[in-house]
């Protein structure tokens, strides 16, 4: 069976948060642990991180999550995604989740991975009319994902291929809930 790789985007600078938000505890665990747990339906989980994030790298190692070091963190989310795809050439599909979304339910990710395994080329969860994460991409989009750069992420791929998009309706508000400030 084809391998689905869970990708945690964890190379941001947390400028609005004011500290390393991915290490902030939620219910006794670092935020990144909750986000990683959401990707457990994937066959393998990797995280894209900056080289200066030694404490985060230690946490990821304790969670059994592989790290991909992003050499140019200033290049944004698109470049993070490209870095992850380039580092996982054997993946047949990817389930991408920003690491600051700790409330995504495992059941939602399972729906995304099931859709990928059943042949959907693009998959996105939808909560009350808002598309969220994690987003699934089949190998058909490898070249487009590798060519990403800058802050826009993969939204353009979803827009250009809307006719291939499987939308999964969910009651999981975590798919649209990211943490940008300590007040969230």
Protein backbone atom coordinates (compact mmCIF):
# COMPACT_ATOMS: atom_id res chain seq x y z
CA UNK A 1 0.00 0.00 0.00
CA UNK A 2 1.16 3.52 -0.74
CA UNK A 3 2.79 5.52 2.05
CA UNK A 4 1.08 8.64 3.38
CA UNK A 5 3.45 11.07 5.05
CA UNK A 6 2.20 13.48 7.68
CA UNK A 7 3.96 16.84 7.41
CA UNK A 8 4.11 19.25 10.34
CA UNK A 9 5.04 22.77 9.30
CA UNK A 10 7.07 23.92 12.33
CA UNK A 11 9.66 26.36 10.97
CA UNK A 12 7.82 29.61 11.71
CA UNK A 13 9.21 32.35 13.91
CA UNK A 14 6.20 32.80 16.27
CA UNK A 15 6.49 36.58 15.97
CA UNK A 16 2.86 37.29 16.96
CA UNK A 17 3.07 34.82 19.83
CA UNK A 18 6.25 36.34 21.26
CA UNK A 19 7.87 33.03 22.24
CA UNK A 20 8.41 29.54 20.88
CA UNK A 21 4.71 28.70 20.74
CA UNK A 22 5.17 25.11 19.65
CA UNK A 23 6.77 24.35 23.03
CA UNK A 24 3.96 26.04 24.98
CA UNK A 25 2.10 23.49 27.07
CA UNK A 26 -1.52 22.60 26.45
CA UNK A 27 -2.96 20.10 28.92
CA UNK A 28 0.55 19.23 30.12
CA UNK A 29 2.09 18.59 26.69
CA UNK A 30 3.89 20.87 24.24
CA UNK A 31 1.63 22.19 21.48
CA UNK A 32 3.71 20.30 18.89
CA UNK A 33 2.85 16.99 20.63
CA UNK A 34 -0.86 17.60 20.09
CA UNK A 35 -0.32 18.50 16.43
CA UNK A 36 1.86 15.43 15.90
CA UNK A 37 -0.78 13.24 17.53
CA UNK A 38 -3.35 14.53 15.04
CA UNK A 39 -1.24 13.03 12.23
CA UNK A 40 -1.03 9.51 13.68
CA UNK A 41 -3.26 8.05 10.92
CA UNK A 42 -0.34 8.75 8.54
CA UNK A 43 2.27 6.06 7.94
CA UNK A 44 5.12 8.38 8.87
CA UNK A 45 5.36 11.88 10.36
CA UNK A 46 8.00 14.50 9.64
CA UNK A 47 8.36 18.09 10.83
CA UNK A 48 10.00 20.94 8.97
CA UNK A 49 12.04 23.01 11.44
CA UNK A 50 14.67 25.74 11.50
CA UNK A 51 18.25 24.73 12.35
CA UNK A 52 18.23 26.92 15.49
CA UNK A 53 15.32 25.06 17.15
CA UNK A 54 17.32 22.61 19.28
CA UNK A 55 14.72 22.36 22.04
CA UNK A 56 11.96 21.69 19.52
CA UNK A 57 14.17 19.10 17.82
CA UNK A 58 14.57 17.30 21.18
CA UNK A 59 10.81 17.22 21.69
CA UNK A 60 10.24 15.91 18.18
CA UNK A 61 12.83 13.19 18.73
CA UNK A 62 11.07 12.13 21.95
CA UNK A 63 7.81 11.91 19.98
CA UNK A 64 9.41 9.78 17.26
CA UNK A 65 8.88 12.49 14.65
CA UNK A 66 11.56 12.91 12.00
CA UNK A 67 12.91 16.41 11.40
CA UNK A 68 13.67 18.11 8.10
CA UNK A 69 15.92 21.11 8.62
CA UNK A 70 14.80 24.11 6.59
CA UNK A 71 17.93 25.90 5.44
CA UNK A 72 16.27 29.21 4.53
CA UNK A 73 13.52 29.85 7.09
CA UNK A 74 12.84 33.35 5.78
CA UNK A 75 11.45 31.84 2.57
CA UNK A 76 8.11 31.01 4.18
CA UNK A 77 5.53 28.26 4.30
CA UNK A 78 5.65 27.41 0.60
CA UNK A 79 9.35 26.66 0.86
CA UNK A 80 8.72 24.58 4.00
CA UNK A 81 6.25 22.44 2.08
CA UNK A 82 8.70 22.08 -0.82
CA UNK A 83 11.45 21.06 1.63
CA UNK A 84 9.23 18.35 3.13
CA UNK A 85 8.25 16.92 -0.24
CA UNK A 86 11.85 16.90 -1.46
CA UNK A 87 12.91 15.06 1.71
CA UNK A 88 10.26 12.36 1.25
CA UNK A 89 10.72 11.17 -2.30
CA UNK A 90 9.20 7.76 -1.50
CA UNK A 91 5.92 9.23 -0.29
CA UNK A 92 2.91 8.61 -2.45
CA UNK A 93 0.88 11.29 -0.75
CA UNK A 94 1.15 13.88 1.98
CA UNK A 95 -1.11 15.13 4.74
CA UNK A 96 0.03 18.65 5.61
CA UNK A 97 -0.71 20.38 8.93
CA UNK A 98 0.65 23.65 10.33
CA UNK A 99 2.13 22.74 13.73
CA UNK A 100 0.22 25.54 15.47
CA UNK A 101 -3.09 23.68 14.99
CA UNK A 102 -3.14 21.43 18.07
CA UNK A 103 -6.89 20.85 18.19
CA UNK A 104 -7.31 18.84 14.99
CA UNK A 105 -8.92 15.52 15.87
CA UNK A 106 -7.32 12.23 14.86
CA UNK A 107 -10.67 11.16 13.37
CA UNK A 108 -10.52 14.07 10.94
CA UNK A 109 -7.02 13.16 9.77
CA UNK A 110 -8.22 9.58 9.38
CA UNK A 111 -10.94 10.81 7.02
CA UNK A 112 -8.33 12.70 4.98
CA UNK A 113 -5.97 9.71 4.80
CA UNK A 114 -8.82 7.35 3.94
CA UNK A 115 -9.83 9.61 1.04
CA UNK A 116 -6.22 9.65 -0.21
CA UNK A 117 -5.99 5.85 0.06
CA UNK A 118 -9.23 5.57 -1.91
CA UNK A 119 -7.84 7.59 -4.81
CA UNK A 120 -8.74 11.22 -4.07
CA UNK A 121 -5.96 13.41 -5.49
CA UNK A 122 -6.67 16.40 -3.19
CA UNK A 123 -8.51 16.35 0.13
CA UNK A 124 -9.51 19.13 2.50
CA UNK A 125 -11.68 19.14 5.63
CA UNK A 126 -14.47 21.71 5.84
CA UNK A 127 -15.96 23.07 9.04
CA UNK A 128 -19.16 25.08 8.57
CA UNK A 129 -18.14 26.33 5.13
CA UNK A 130 -14.48 27.02 5.98
CA UNK A 131 -11.80 24.83 4.51
CA UNK A 132 -9.05 23.90 6.94
CA UNK A 133 -6.23 21.45 7.69
CA UNK A 134 -4.80 18.89 7.37
CA UNK A 135 -4.81 18.99 3.58
CA UNK A 136 -4.08 15.84 1.59
CA UNK A 137 -2.11 15.76 -1.66
CA UNK A 138 -1.49 12.72 -3.85
CA UNK A 139 1.79 12.09 -5.71
CA UNK A 140 0.18 13.68 -8.77
CA UNK A 141 0.96 17.03 -7.13
CA UNK A 142 4.59 16.29 -6.15
CA UNK A 143 6.05 18.60 -8.82
CA UNK A 144 3.68 21.46 -7.93
CA UNK A 145 4.43 21.08 -4.20
CA UNK A 146 8.20 21.06 -4.77
CA UNK A 147 7.94 24.27 -6.77
CA UNK A 148 6.26 26.20 -3.91
CA UNK A 149 8.10 29.14 -2.37
CA UNK A 150 7.19 32.13 -0.22
CA UNK A 151 4.33 32.55 2.26
CA UNK A 152 1.36 31.46 0.16
CA UNK A 153 1.60 27.75 0.91
CA UNK A 154 -0.33 25.34 -1.28
CA UNK A 155 -3.62 27.25 -1.55
CA UNK A 156 -2.94 28.00 -5.22
CA UNK A 157 -2.78 24.26 -5.99
CA UNK A 158 -6.18 23.73 -4.39
CA UNK A 159 -7.65 26.64 -6.34
CA UNK A 160 -6.17 25.55 -9.68
CA UNK A 161 -7.39 21.97 -9.24
CA UNK A 162 -10.73 22.55 -7.52
CA UNK A 163 -12.32 19.98 -9.84
CA UNK A 164 -10.12 17.27 -8.25
CA UNK A 165 -10.76 18.34 -4.67
CA UNK A 166 -12.57 16.07 -2.22
CA UNK A 167 -14.14 18.16 0.55
CA UNK A 168 -14.83 16.35 3.80
CA UNK A 169 -17.51 17.93 5.97
CA UNK A 170 -16.55 17.76 9.64
CA UNK A 171 -17.74 18.97 13.03
CA UNK A 172 -14.08 19.34 14.06
CA UNK A 173 -13.52 23.07 14.70
CA UNK A 174 -9.82 22.26 15.18
CA UNK A 175 -9.37 22.21 11.40
CA UNK A 176 -9.71 26.00 11.33
CA UNK A 177 -8.22 26.83 14.74
CA UNK A 178 -4.61 27.91 14.78
CA UNK A 179 -2.79 29.57 17.65
CA UNK A 180 -1.13 32.84 16.74
CA UNK A 181 -1.11 34.68 20.08
CA UNK A 182 -1.01 33.59 23.75
CA UNK A 183 -4.64 34.69 24.08
CA UNK A 184 -5.87 32.03 21.63
